Amino acid sequence: DQQAYEAAMQQTTVLRGKRQYNEAVSVAMKYVEIAKSNDNASYMLATVGSMQEEQNDQKSALETYRKAEKRAGRDVLGIAYGIARTSDRKSVV
């Protein structure tokens, strides 16, 4: 699983650098579907959320960060920051 994660993350990073977000998200989500490690899946989902933020799609980013939060076993703080950045603070209790 670690090797598949590293390959998917590398490909996602290259595509993201070229601003090919749709392709990058597709690679990331394909990995998430087969991920055996919740930590790796969570981190990949957080990466997708970050790309959605870069595209000013706050609603999708928030949904994706919430998915990452559910799968997270560690590094929840980074995901929490993503949720905070993309939430409508009036509706968050």
C-alpha atoms as a PDB file:
ATOM      1  CA  ASP A   1       0.000   0.000   0.000  1.00  0.00           C
ATOM      2  CA  GLN A   2       2.832   2.428   0.810  1.00  0.00           C
ATOM      3  CA  GLN A   3       4.363   2.024  -2.645  1.00  0.00           C
ATOM      4  CA  ALA A   4       0.985   2.641  -4.332  1.00  0.00           C
ATOM      5  CA  TYR A   5       0.445   5.684  -2.108  1.00  0.00           C
ATOM      6  CA  GLU A   6       3.836   7.168  -2.933  1.00  0.00           C
ATOM      7  CA  ALA A   7       3.331   6.624  -6.673  1.00  0.00           C
ATOM      8  CA  ALA A   8      -0.137   8.186  -6.601  1.00  0.00           C
ATOM      9  CA  MET A   9       1.060  11.120  -4.504  1.00  0.00           C
ATOM     10  CA  GLN A  10       3.974  11.750  -6.854  1.00  0.00           C
ATOM     11  CA  GLN A  11       1.706  11.693  -9.906  1.00  0.00           C
ATOM     12  CA  THR A  12      -0.849  13.894  -8.156  1.00  0.00           C
ATOM     13  CA  THR A  13       1.858  16.396  -7.199  1.00  0.00           C
ATOM     14  CA  VAL A  14       3.181  16.622 -10.763  1.00  0.00           C
ATOM     15  CA  LEU A  15      -0.309  17.139 -12.202  1.00  0.00           C
ATOM     16  CA  ARG A  16      -1.147  19.691  -9.519  1.00  0.00           C
ATOM     17  CA  GLY A  17       2.034  21.588 -10.350  1.00  0.00           C
ATOM     18  CA  LYS A  18       0.861  21.776 -13.960  1.00  0.00           C
ATOM     19  CA  ARG A  19      -2.559  22.956 -12.701  1.00  0.00           C
ATOM     20  CA  GLN A  20      -4.177  19.863 -14.192  1.00  0.00           C
ATOM     21  CA  TYR A  21      -6.521  19.600 -11.243  1.00  0.00           C
ATOM     22  CA  ASN A  22      -9.129  17.275 -12.740  1.00  0.00           C
ATOM     23  CA  GLU A  23      -6.482  14.730 -13.640  1.00  0.00           C
ATOM     24  CA  ALA A  24      -4.760  15.106 -10.268  1.00  0.00           C
ATOM     25  CA  VAL A  25      -8.027  14.589  -8.386  1.00  0.00           C
ATOM     26  CA  SER A  26      -8.799  11.550 -10.526  1.00  0.00           C
ATOM     27  CA  VAL A  27      -5.443   9.929  -9.686  1.00  0.00           C
ATOM     28  CA  ALA A  28      -5.854  10.734  -5.995  1.00  0.00           C
ATOM     29  CA  MET A  29      -9.394   9.392  -5.775  1.00  0.00           C
ATOM     30  CA  LYS A  30      -8.460   6.167  -7.586  1.00  0.00           C
ATOM     31  CA  TYR A  31      -5.855   5.611  -4.901  1.00  0.00           C
ATOM     32  CA  VAL A  32      -8.344   6.354  -2.105  1.00  0.00           C
ATOM     33  CA  GLU A  33     -10.659   3.657  -3.492  1.00  0.00           C
ATOM     34  CA  ILE A  34      -7.964   0.976  -3.139  1.00  0.00           C
ATOM     35  CA  ALA A  35      -6.154   2.309  -0.066  1.00  0.00           C
ATOM     36  CA  LYS A  36      -5.562  -0.175   2.713  1.00  0.00           C
ATOM     37  CA  SER A  37      -4.218   2.454   5.085  1.00  0.00           C
ATOM     38  CA  ASN A  38      -6.723   4.925   6.486  1.00  0.00           C
ATOM     39  CA  ASP A  39      -3.866   7.316   7.258  1.00  0.00           C
ATOM     40  CA  ASN A  40      -2.713   7.364   3.638  1.00  0.00           C
ATOM     41  CA  ALA A  41      -6.281   7.638   2.335  1.00  0.00           C
ATOM     42  CA  SER A  42      -6.951  10.486   4.729  1.00  0.00           C
ATOM     43  CA  TYR A  43      -3.848  12.368   3.648  1.00  0.00           C
ATOM     44  CA  MET A  44      -4.716  11.867  -0.025  1.00  0.00           C
ATOM     45  CA  LEU A  45      -8.237  13.165   0.604  1.00  0.00           C
ATOM     46  CA  ALA A  46      -6.773  16.189   2.387  1.00  0.00           C
ATOM     47  CA  THR A  47      -4.623  16.794  -0.702  1.00  0.00           C
ATOM     48  CA  VAL A  48      -7.751  16.711  -2.860  1.00  0.00           C
ATOM     49  CA  GLY A  49      -9.444  19.164  -0.492  1.00  0.00           C
ATOM     50  CA  SER A  50      -6.464  21.463  -0.786  1.00  0.00           C
ATOM     51  CA  MET A  51      -6.665  21.379  -4.587  1.00  0.00           C
ATOM     52  CA  GLN A  52     -10.370  22.168  -4.406  1.00  0.00           C
ATOM     53  CA  GLU A  53      -9.532  25.164  -2.232  1.00  0.00           C
ATOM     54  CA  GLU A  54      -7.007  26.309  -4.844  1.00  0.00           C
ATOM     55  CA  GLN A  55      -9.867  26.275  -7.348  1.00  0.00           C
ATOM     56  CA  ASN A  56     -12.065  28.295  -4.948  1.00  0.00           C
ATOM     57  CA  ASP A  57     -14.500  25.398  -4.546  1.00  0.00           C
ATOM     58  CA  GLN A  58     -14.978  25.773  -0.803  1.00  0.00           C
ATOM     59  CA  LYS A  59     -18.065  23.560  -0.623  1.00  0.00           C
ATOM     60  CA  SER A  60     -16.380  20.563  -2.264  1.00  0.00           C
ATOM     61  CA  ALA A  61     -13.216  21.160  -0.243  1.00  0.00           C
ATOM     62  CA  LEU A  62     -15.186  21.073   2.998  1.00  0.00           C
ATOM     63  CA  GLU A  63     -16.937  17.836   1.986  1.00  0.00           C
ATOM     64  CA  THR A  64     -13.606  16.267   1.071  1.00  0.00           C
ATOM     65  CA  TYR A  65     -11.924  17.401   4.296  1.00  0.00           C
ATOM     66  CA  ARG A  66     -14.814  15.861   6.248  1.00  0.00           C
ATOM     67  CA  LYS A  67     -14.228  12.558   4.419  1.00  0.00           C
ATOM     68  CA  ALA A  68     -10.537  12.814   5.298  1.00  0.00           C
ATOM     69  CA  GLU A  69     -11.445  13.466   8.920  1.00  0.00           C
ATOM     70  CA  LYS A  70     -13.495  10.249   9.043  1.00  0.00           C
ATOM     71  CA  ARG A  71     -10.570   8.187   7.722  1.00  0.00           C
ATOM     72  CA  ALA A  72      -7.859   9.922   9.756  1.00  0.00           C
ATOM     73  CA  GLY A  73      -5.918   8.033  12.346  1.00  0.00           C
ATOM     74  CA  ARG A  74      -3.257  10.704  12.782  1.00  0.00           C
ATOM     75  CA  ASP A  75      -2.490  14.243  11.626  1.00  0.00           C
ATOM     76  CA  VAL A  76      -6.042  15.362  12.289  1.00  0.00           C
ATOM     77  CA  LEU A  77      -4.817  18.874  12.983  1.00  0.00           C
ATOM     78  CA  GLY A  78      -4.029  19.568   9.315  1.00  0.00           C
ATOM     79  CA  ILE A  79      -7.464  18.325   8.320  1.00  0.00           C
ATOM     80  CA  ALA A  80      -9.081  20.438  11.029  1.00  0.00           C
ATOM     81  CA  TYR A  81      -7.348  23.519   9.612  1.00  0.00           C
ATOM     82  CA  GLY A  82      -8.730  22.686   6.180  1.00  0.00           C
ATOM     83  CA  ILE A  83     -12.223  22.327   7.586  1.00  0.00           C
ATOM     84  CA  ALA A  84     -11.882  25.642   9.394  1.00  0.00           C
ATOM     85  CA  ARG A  85     -10.684  27.434   6.250  1.00  0.00           C
ATOM     86  CA  THR A  86     -13.578  26.176   4.150  1.00  0.00           C
ATOM     87  CA  SER A  87     -16.455  26.237   6.637  1.00  0.00           C
ATOM     88  CA  ASP A  88     -19.138  28.833   6.810  1.00  0.00           C
ATOM     89  CA  ARG A  89     -18.429  29.771  10.390  1.00  0.00           C
ATOM     90  CA  LYS A  90     -22.010  30.847  11.008  1.00  0.00           C
ATOM     91  CA  SER A  91     -23.249  27.322  10.396  1.00  0.00           C
ATOM     92  CA  VAL A  92     -20.498  25.497  12.287  1.00  0.00           C
ATOM     93  CA  VAL A  93     -21.287  24.788  15.907  1.00  0.00           C
END
